[in-house]
Amino acid sequence: MQRIIQIGENIRNIRKAKNISQEDLAERACINAPNYGQIERGQNASIETLIKISDALEVPITDFFSNVPASVRENTTIISQITDYLKNMTLEEQEAILRIIKIFNKYKSHSPSNL
């Protein structure tokens, strides 16, 4: 039972990290909203339902079974978003972003409040 609860908590953490409400996710996954809420609270779910949820969240289903803390997943999501933006930029734009990051890090390390 503990493992099923962990899956529900992982789903909830991923959903919250993506700033999606339970109702919105249930609608995107074509699942009854009350049933979706039960899954987050540890109710058993079929593989088919978990696949629908993973598709709606745009994450691999394996993320539901991971013991990776939500903060790490959130960081990974941010890095993934940055990477997606960089992929669509020219080399010159990417180099400009890198210079900005370097300046930011230099400023941050010299700032009395460390931002």
C-alpha atoms as a PDB file:
ATOM      1  CA  MET A   1       0.000   0.000   0.000  1.00  0.00           C
ATOM      2  CA  GLN A   2       2.860   2.405   0.803  1.00  0.00           C
ATOM      3  CA  ARG A   3       4.181   2.071  -2.769  1.00  0.00           C
ATOM      4  CA  ILE A   4       0.775   3.013  -4.228  1.00  0.00           C
ATOM      5  CA  ILE A   5       0.622   6.067  -1.956  1.00  0.00           C
ATOM      6  CA  GLN A   6       4.111   7.059  -3.157  1.00  0.00           C
ATOM      7  CA  ILE A   7       2.944   6.869  -6.783  1.00  0.00           C
ATOM      8  CA  GLY A   8       0.027   9.172  -5.994  1.00  0.00           C
ATOM      9  CA  GLU A   9       2.325  11.601  -4.188  1.00  0.00           C
ATOM     10  CA  ASN A  10       4.747  11.592  -7.120  1.00  0.00           C
ATOM     11  CA  ILE A  11       1.911  12.336  -9.532  1.00  0.00           C
ATOM     12  CA  ARG A  12       0.697  15.163  -7.270  1.00  0.00           C
ATOM     13  CA  ASN A  13       4.208  16.654  -6.995  1.00  0.00           C
ATOM     14  CA  ILE A  14       4.715  16.575 -10.761  1.00  0.00           C
ATOM     15  CA  ARG A  15       1.280  18.115 -11.365  1.00  0.00           C
ATOM     16  CA  LYS A  16       1.937  20.904  -8.868  1.00  0.00           C
ATOM     17  CA  ALA A  17       5.417  21.549 -10.298  1.00  0.00           C
ATOM     18  CA  LYS A  18       3.723  22.094 -13.655  1.00  0.00           C
ATOM     19  CA  ASN A  19       1.139  24.366 -12.014  1.00  0.00           C
ATOM     20  CA  ILE A  20      -1.845  22.301 -13.190  1.00  0.00           C
ATOM     21  CA  SER A  21      -5.005  21.863 -11.131  1.00  0.00           C
ATOM     22  CA  GLN A  22      -6.454  18.419 -10.424  1.00  0.00           C
ATOM     23  CA  GLU A  23      -9.508  19.277 -12.488  1.00  0.00           C
ATOM     24  CA  ASP A  24      -7.458  20.419 -15.486  1.00  0.00           C
ATOM     25  CA  LEU A  25      -5.279  17.328 -15.389  1.00  0.00           C
ATOM     26  CA  ALA A  26      -8.281  15.024 -15.057  1.00  0.00           C
ATOM     27  CA  GLU A  27      -9.833  16.698 -18.101  1.00  0.00           C
ATOM     28  CA  ARG A  28      -6.603  16.473 -20.126  1.00  0.00           C
ATOM     29  CA  ALA A  29      -6.251  12.798 -19.224  1.00  0.00           C
ATOM     30  CA  CYS A  30      -9.963  12.069 -19.877  1.00  0.00           C
ATOM     31  CA  ILE A  31     -10.424  10.807 -16.319  1.00  0.00           C
ATOM     32  CA  ASN A  32     -13.284  11.504 -13.934  1.00  0.00           C
ATOM     33  CA  ALA A  33     -12.050  14.280 -11.566  1.00  0.00           C
ATOM     34  CA  PRO A  34     -13.061  12.531  -8.308  1.00  0.00           C
ATOM     35  CA  ASN A  35     -11.343   9.337  -9.486  1.00  0.00           C
ATOM     36  CA  TYR A  36      -8.205  11.314 -10.285  1.00  0.00           C
ATOM     37  CA  GLY A  37      -8.198  12.792  -6.777  1.00  0.00           C
ATOM     38  CA  GLN A  38      -8.372   9.276  -5.341  1.00  0.00           C
ATOM     39  CA  ILE A  39      -5.294   8.275  -7.360  1.00  0.00           C
ATOM     40  CA  GLU A  40      -3.309  11.151  -5.840  1.00  0.00           C
ATOM     41  CA  ARG A  41      -4.439   9.992  -2.401  1.00  0.00           C
ATOM     42  CA  GLY A  42      -3.106   6.482  -3.021  1.00  0.00           C
ATOM     43  CA  GLN A  43      -6.000   4.649  -4.649  1.00  0.00           C
ATOM     44  CA  ASN A  44      -4.910   1.917  -7.051  1.00  0.00           C
ATOM     45  CA  ALA A  45      -4.924   2.853 -10.752  1.00  0.00           C
ATOM     46  CA  SER A  46      -4.653   0.797 -13.908  1.00  0.00           C
ATOM     47  CA  ILE A  47      -1.626   1.058 -16.170  1.00  0.00           C
ATOM     48  CA  GLU A  48      -3.925   2.521 -18.840  1.00  0.00           C
ATOM     49  CA  THR A  49      -4.952   5.318 -16.461  1.00  0.00           C
ATOM     50  CA  LEU A  50      -1.335   5.983 -15.445  1.00  0.00           C
ATOM     51  CA  ILE A  51      -0.391   6.238 -19.130  1.00  0.00           C
ATOM     52  CA  LYS A  52      -3.186   8.769 -19.702  1.00  0.00           C
ATOM     53  CA  ILE A  53      -1.921  10.822 -16.752  1.00  0.00           C
ATOM     54  CA  SER A  54       1.709  10.650 -17.887  1.00  0.00           C
ATOM     55  CA  ASP A  55       0.686  11.735 -21.394  1.00  0.00           C
ATOM     56  CA  ALA A  56      -1.346  14.630 -19.980  1.00  0.00           C
ATOM     57  CA  LEU A  57       1.606  15.693 -17.795  1.00  0.00           C
ATOM     58  CA  GLU A  58       4.034  15.150 -20.672  1.00  0.00           C
ATOM     59  CA  VAL A  59       6.387  13.065 -18.511  1.00  0.00           C
ATOM     60  CA  PRO A  60       7.507   9.455 -18.809  1.00  0.00           C
ATOM     61  CA  ILE A  61       5.406   7.074 -16.742  1.00  0.00           C
ATOM     62  CA  THR A  62       8.583   5.989 -14.941  1.00  0.00           C
ATOM     63  CA  ASP A  63       8.585   9.355 -13.132  1.00  0.00           C
ATOM     64  CA  PHE A  64       5.618   8.101 -11.135  1.00  0.00           C
ATOM     65  CA  PHE A  65       7.679   5.246  -9.722  1.00  0.00           C
ATOM     66  CA  SER A  66      10.737   7.314  -8.877  1.00  0.00           C
ATOM     67  CA  ASN A  67      11.835   8.247  -5.384  1.00  0.00           C
ATOM     68  CA  VAL A  68      13.447  11.410  -6.721  1.00  0.00           C
ATOM     69  CA  PRO A  69      12.427  14.393  -4.555  1.00  0.00           C
ATOM     70  CA  ALA A  70      10.060  16.892  -6.150  1.00  0.00           C
ATOM     71  CA  SER A  71      12.622  19.684  -5.838  1.00  0.00           C
ATOM     72  CA  VAL A  72      14.992  17.721  -8.078  1.00  0.00           C
ATOM     73  CA  ARG A  73      12.214  17.083 -10.607  1.00  0.00           C
ATOM     74  CA  GLU A  74      11.311  20.781 -10.575  1.00  0.00           C
ATOM     75  CA  ASN A  75      14.945  21.692 -11.234  1.00  0.00           C
ATOM     76  CA  THR A  76      15.046  19.164 -14.070  1.00  0.00           C
ATOM     77  CA  THR A  77      11.876  20.689 -15.519  1.00  0.00           C
ATOM     78  CA  ILE A  78      13.407  24.167 -15.457  1.00  0.00           C
ATOM     79  CA  ILE A  79      16.605  22.940 -17.103  1.00  0.00           C
ATOM     80  CA  SER A  80      14.529  21.162 -19.737  1.00  0.00           C
ATOM     81  CA  GLN A  81      12.588  24.349 -20.473  1.00  0.00           C
ATOM     82  CA  ILE A  82      15.808  26.365 -20.784  1.00  0.00           C
ATOM     83  CA  THR A  83      17.245  23.722 -23.099  1.00  0.00           C
ATOM     84  CA  ASP A  84      14.121  23.856 -25.279  1.00  0.00           C
ATOM     85  CA  TYR A  85      14.477  27.635 -25.631  1.00  0.00           C
ATOM     86  CA  LEU A  86      18.184  27.342 -26.460  1.00  0.00           C
ATOM     87  CA  LYS A  87      17.533  24.732 -29.153  1.00  0.00           C
ATOM     88  CA  ASN A  88      15.435  27.262 -31.048  1.00  0.00           C
ATOM     89  CA  MET A  89      18.094  30.002 -30.923  1.00  0.00           C
ATOM     90  CA  THR A  90      20.940  30.770 -33.248  1.00  0.00           C
ATOM     91  CA  LEU A  91      24.506  30.132 -32.104  1.00  0.00           C
ATOM     92  CA  GLU A  92      24.979  33.879 -31.588  1.00  0.00           C
ATOM     93  CA  GLU A  93      21.880  34.056 -29.392  1.00  0.00           C
ATOM     94  CA  GLN A  94      23.058  31.053 -27.374  1.00  0.00           C
ATOM     95  CA  GLU A  95      26.462  32.688 -26.854  1.00  0.00           C
ATOM     96  CA  ALA A  96      24.735  35.896 -25.690  1.00  0.00           C
ATOM     97  CA  ILE A  97      22.674  33.915 -23.163  1.00  0.00           C
ATOM     98  CA  LEU A  98      25.856  32.216 -21.914  1.00  0.00           C
ATOM     99  CA  ARG A  99      27.502  35.628 -21.399  1.00  0.00           C
ATOM    100  CA  ILE A 100      24.435  36.806 -19.458  1.00  0.00           C
ATOM    101  CA  ILE A 101      24.575  33.730 -17.225  1.00  0.00           C
ATOM    102  CA  LYS A 102      28.289  34.262 -16.576  1.00  0.00           C
ATOM    103  CA  ILE A 103      27.683  37.920 -15.667  1.00  0.00           C
ATOM    104  CA  PHE A 104      24.797  36.921 -13.415  1.00  0.00           C
ATOM    105  CA  ASN A 105      26.946  34.331 -11.610  1.00  0.00           C
ATOM    106  CA  LYS A 106      29.782  36.823 -11.188  1.00  0.00           C
ATOM    107  CA  TYR A 107      27.399  39.436  -9.784  1.00  0.00           C
ATOM    108  CA  LYS A 108      25.717  36.885  -7.519  1.00  0.00           C
ATOM    109  CA  SER A 109      29.010  35.755  -6.000  1.00  0.00           C
ATOM    110  CA  HIS A 110      30.019  39.384  -5.223  1.00  0.00           C
ATOM    111  CA  SER A 111      26.664  40.549  -3.967  1.00  0.00           C
ATOM    112  CA  PRO A 112      26.424  41.064  -0.165  1.00  0.00           C
ATOM    113  CA  SER A 113      22.982  39.464  -0.066  1.00  0.00           C
ATOM    114  CA  ASN A 114      23.829  36.759  -2.635  1.00  0.00           C
ATOM    115  CA  LEU A 115      20.570  37.678  -4.301  1.00  0.00           C
END
